[in-house]
C-alpha atoms as a PDB file:
ATOM      1  CA  UNK A   1      16.776   2.810 -10.375  1.00  0.00           C
ATOM      2  CA  UNK A   2      14.047   2.769  -7.765  1.00  0.00           C
ATOM      3  CA  UNK A   3      13.066  -0.586  -6.348  1.00  0.00           C
ATOM      4  CA  UNK A   4      10.118  -1.214  -4.055  1.00  0.00           C
ATOM      5  CA  UNK A   5       9.860  -4.265  -1.843  1.00  0.00           C
ATOM      6  CA  UNK A   6       6.661  -5.185  -0.049  1.00  0.00           C
ATOM      7  CA  UNK A   7       6.323  -7.488   2.930  1.00  0.00           C
ATOM      8  CA  UNK A   8       3.770  -8.501   5.507  1.00  0.00           C
ATOM      9  CA  UNK A   9       1.171 -10.288   3.444  1.00  0.00           C
ATOM     10  CA  UNK A  10      -0.336 -13.549   4.574  1.00  0.00           C
ATOM     11  CA  UNK A  11      -3.424 -15.512   5.484  1.00  0.00           C
ATOM     12  CA  UNK A  12      -5.672 -14.065   8.177  1.00  0.00           C
ATOM     13  CA  UNK A  13      -9.179 -14.691   9.428  1.00  0.00           C
ATOM     14  CA  UNK A  14     -11.979 -12.165   9.003  1.00  0.00           C
ATOM     15  CA  UNK A  15     -11.770  -9.440  11.605  1.00  0.00           C
ATOM     16  CA  UNK A  16      -8.052  -9.836  12.196  1.00  0.00           C
ATOM     17  CA  UNK A  17      -5.476  -7.106  11.543  1.00  0.00           C
ATOM     18  CA  UNK A  18      -2.421  -7.126   9.302  1.00  0.00           C
ATOM     19  CA  UNK A  19       0.293  -4.605   8.533  1.00  0.00           C
ATOM     20  CA  UNK A  20       2.012  -4.309   5.184  1.00  0.00           C
ATOM     21  CA  UNK A  21       5.398  -2.678   4.743  1.00  0.00           C
ATOM     22  CA  UNK A  22       7.102  -1.243   1.707  1.00  0.00           C
ATOM     23  CA  UNK A  23      10.734  -0.188   1.519  1.00  0.00           C
ATOM     24  CA  UNK A  24      12.055   1.944  -1.321  1.00  0.00           C
ATOM     25  CA  UNK A  25      15.651   1.598  -2.490  1.00  0.00           C
ATOM     26  CA  UNK A  26      17.229   4.144  -4.778  1.00  0.00           C
ATOM     27  CA  UNK A  27      14.646   6.814  -4.121  1.00  0.00           C
ATOM     28  CA  UNK A  28      15.098  10.341  -2.835  1.00  0.00           C
ATOM     29  CA  UNK A  29      14.058  11.595   0.580  1.00  0.00           C
ATOM     30  CA  UNK A  30      10.845  13.024  -0.739  1.00  0.00           C
ATOM     31  CA  UNK A  31       8.038  11.890  -2.995  1.00  0.00           C
ATOM     32  CA  UNK A  32       5.037  13.213  -4.822  1.00  0.00           C
ATOM     33  CA  UNK A  33       2.834  10.227  -4.022  1.00  0.00           C
ATOM     34  CA  UNK A  34       3.457   6.915  -2.306  1.00  0.00           C
ATOM     35  CA  UNK A  35       1.055   4.273  -1.225  1.00  0.00           C
ATOM     36  CA  UNK A  36      -0.800   1.069  -1.924  1.00  0.00           C
ATOM     37  CA  UNK A  37      -2.921  -0.404  -4.663  1.00  0.00           C
ATOM     38  CA  UNK A  38      -4.513  -3.828  -4.773  1.00  0.00           C
ATOM     39  CA  UNK A  39      -5.758  -6.238  -7.384  1.00  0.00           C
ATOM     40  CA  UNK A  40      -8.341  -8.820  -6.465  1.00  0.00           C
ATOM     41  CA  UNK A  41      -8.884 -11.923  -8.602  1.00  0.00           C
ATOM     42  CA  UNK A  42     -10.695 -10.993 -11.781  1.00  0.00           C
ATOM     43  CA  UNK A  43     -10.611  -7.283 -11.039  1.00  0.00           C
ATOM     44  CA  UNK A  44      -8.518  -4.335 -12.092  1.00  0.00           C
ATOM     45  CA  UNK A  45      -5.832  -2.808  -9.912  1.00  0.00           C
ATOM     46  CA  UNK A  46      -7.327  -0.135  -7.677  1.00  0.00           C
ATOM     47  CA  UNK A  47      -6.043   2.460  -5.246  1.00  0.00           C
ATOM     48  CA  UNK A  48      -6.240   1.541  -1.581  1.00  0.00           C
ATOM     49  CA  UNK A  49      -4.420   4.353   0.193  1.00  0.00           C
ATOM     50  CA  UNK A  50      -2.050   7.095  -0.871  1.00  0.00           C
ATOM     51  CA  UNK A  51       0.094   9.663   0.905  1.00  0.00           C
ATOM     52  CA  UNK A  52       0.525  12.859  -1.070  1.00  0.00           C
ATOM     53  CA  UNK A  53       3.515  15.136  -0.540  1.00  0.00           C
ATOM     54  CA  UNK A  54       2.788  17.297   2.452  1.00  0.00           C
ATOM     55  CA  UNK A  55       1.211  14.432   4.326  1.00  0.00           C
ATOM     56  CA  UNK A  56      -2.310  14.420   2.959  1.00  0.00           C
ATOM     57  CA  UNK A  57      -3.773  10.923   2.825  1.00  0.00           C
ATOM     58  CA  UNK A  58      -6.428   9.523   0.548  1.00  0.00           C
ATOM     59  CA  UNK A  59      -8.292   6.246   1.038  1.00  0.00           C
ATOM     60  CA  UNK A  60     -10.605   4.134  -1.046  1.00  0.00           C
ATOM     61  CA  UNK A  61     -14.143   4.283   0.325  1.00  0.00           C
ATOM     62  CA  UNK A  62     -14.099   0.548   0.995  1.00  0.00           C
ATOM     63  CA  UNK A  63     -11.174   0.804   3.441  1.00  0.00           C
ATOM     64  CA  UNK A  64     -11.701   4.258   4.939  1.00  0.00           C
ATOM     65  CA  UNK A  65     -11.849   3.952   8.698  1.00  0.00           C
ATOM     66  CA  UNK A  66     -10.294   0.484   8.710  1.00  0.00           C
ATOM     67  CA  UNK A  67      -6.918   1.041   7.049  1.00  0.00           C
ATOM     68  CA  UNK A  68      -4.232   3.545   7.982  1.00  0.00           C
ATOM     69  CA  UNK A  69      -1.312   4.524   5.792  1.00  0.00           C
ATOM     70  CA  UNK A  70       1.844   6.014   7.237  1.00  0.00           C
ATOM     71  CA  UNK A  71       5.397   6.884   6.343  1.00  0.00           C
ATOM     72  CA  UNK A  72       8.472   7.997   8.249  1.00  0.00           C
ATOM     73  CA  UNK A  73      10.870  10.925   8.129  1.00  0.00           C
ATOM     74  CA  UNK A  74      13.071   9.237   5.553  1.00  0.00           C
ATOM     75  CA  UNK A  75      10.162   9.032   3.097  1.00  0.00           C
ATOM     76  CA  UNK A  76      11.661   5.751   1.936  1.00  0.00           C
ATOM     77  CA  UNK A  77       9.101   3.473   3.563  1.00  0.00           C
ATOM     78  CA  UNK A  78       5.356   3.246   3.815  1.00  0.00           C
ATOM     79  CA  UNK A  79       3.134   1.064   5.931  1.00  0.00           C
ATOM     80  CA  UNK A  80      -0.467   0.017   5.654  1.00  0.00           C
ATOM     81  CA  UNK A  81      -2.159  -0.927   8.900  1.00  0.00           C
ATOM     82  CA  UNK A  82      -5.241  -2.952   8.035  1.00  0.00           C
ATOM     83  CA  UNK A  83      -7.886  -3.598  10.649  1.00  0.00           C
ATOM     84  CA  UNK A  84     -11.184  -5.473  10.537  1.00  0.00           C
ATOM     85  CA  UNK A  85     -10.178  -7.336   7.435  1.00  0.00           C
ATOM     86  CA  UNK A  86     -12.900  -9.072   5.473  1.00  0.00           C
ATOM     87  CA  UNK A  87     -12.923 -11.488   2.570  1.00  0.00           C
ATOM     88  CA  UNK A  88     -13.354  -8.613   0.112  1.00  0.00           C
ATOM     89  CA  UNK A  89      -9.891  -7.386   1.123  1.00  0.00           C
ATOM     90  CA  UNK A  90      -8.316 -10.505  -0.360  1.00  0.00           C
ATOM     91  CA  UNK A  91      -5.963  -9.288  -3.085  1.00  0.00           C
ATOM     92  CA  UNK A  92      -2.427  -8.822  -4.256  1.00  0.00           C
ATOM     93  CA  UNK A  93      -1.250  -5.575  -2.685  1.00  0.00           C
ATOM     94  CA  UNK A  94       1.229  -3.422  -4.572  1.00  0.00           C
ATOM     95  CA  UNK A  95       3.417  -0.646  -3.273  1.00  0.00           C
ATOM     96  CA  UNK A  96       3.412   2.461  -5.470  1.00  0.00           C
ATOM     97  CA  UNK A  97       5.800   5.379  -5.670  1.00  0.00           C
ATOM     98  CA  UNK A  98       5.730   8.435  -7.861  1.00  0.00           C
ATOM     99  CA  UNK A  99       8.811  10.464  -6.998  1.00  0.00           C
ATOM    100  CA  UNK A 100       7.811  13.712  -8.669  1.00  0.00           C
ATOM    101  CA  UNK A 101       4.854  15.260 -10.433  1.00  0.00           C
ATOM    102  CA  UNK A 102       6.455  14.582 -13.815  1.00  0.00           C
ATOM    103  CA  UNK A 103       7.971  11.241 -12.820  1.00  0.00           C
ATOM    104  CA  UNK A 104       6.953   7.815 -13.915  1.00  0.00           C
ATOM    105  CA  UNK A 105       5.439   5.541 -11.323  1.00  0.00           C
ATOM    106  CA  UNK A 106       7.283   2.650  -9.753  1.00  0.00           C
ATOM    107  CA  UNK A 107       5.619  -0.558  -8.557  1.00  0.00           C
ATOM    108  CA  UNK A 108       6.596  -3.375  -6.271  1.00  0.00           C
ATOM    109  CA  UNK A 109       6.004  -6.990  -7.182  1.00  0.00           C
ATOM    110  CA  UNK A 110       3.146  -7.308  -4.724  1.00  0.00           C
ATOM    111  CA  UNK A 111       2.373  -9.134  -1.506  1.00  0.00           C
ATOM    112  CA  UNK A 112      -0.621 -11.410  -1.217  1.00  0.00           C
ATOM    113  CA  UNK A 113      -3.252 -10.878   1.456  1.00  0.00           C
ATOM    114  CA  UNK A 114      -5.809 -13.623   1.884  1.00  0.00           C
ATOM    115  CA  UNK A 115      -8.708 -13.220   4.280  1.00  0.00           C
ATOM    116  CA  UNK A 116     -10.475 -16.485   4.887  1.00  0.00           C
ATOM    117  CA  UNK A 117     -12.041 -18.440   7.688  1.00  0.00           C
END
């Protein structure tokens, strides 16, 4: 059973950076897609950044140029470096893993990011 654990959320001021981490337990050394989604209060969960097998990355327009997603050689962890945070980035951030093209998706429990002055 795959388990995802996020960490790194917290309260920051506008303009400050923050890095989120996600560790996958029980997963293989490769994945189809892995990344981050977020859900702001009163809104639906939305993709933030995804790494596709082969290393291609995809970002939401609202974070492109500010956020950077990365993984390591083990393919069991993913990070989200967030720069120039603004209040619109306030949300519960979820780690996402889809091991294979026919696999179900796995989700972490989420880590809260609050951007406020």
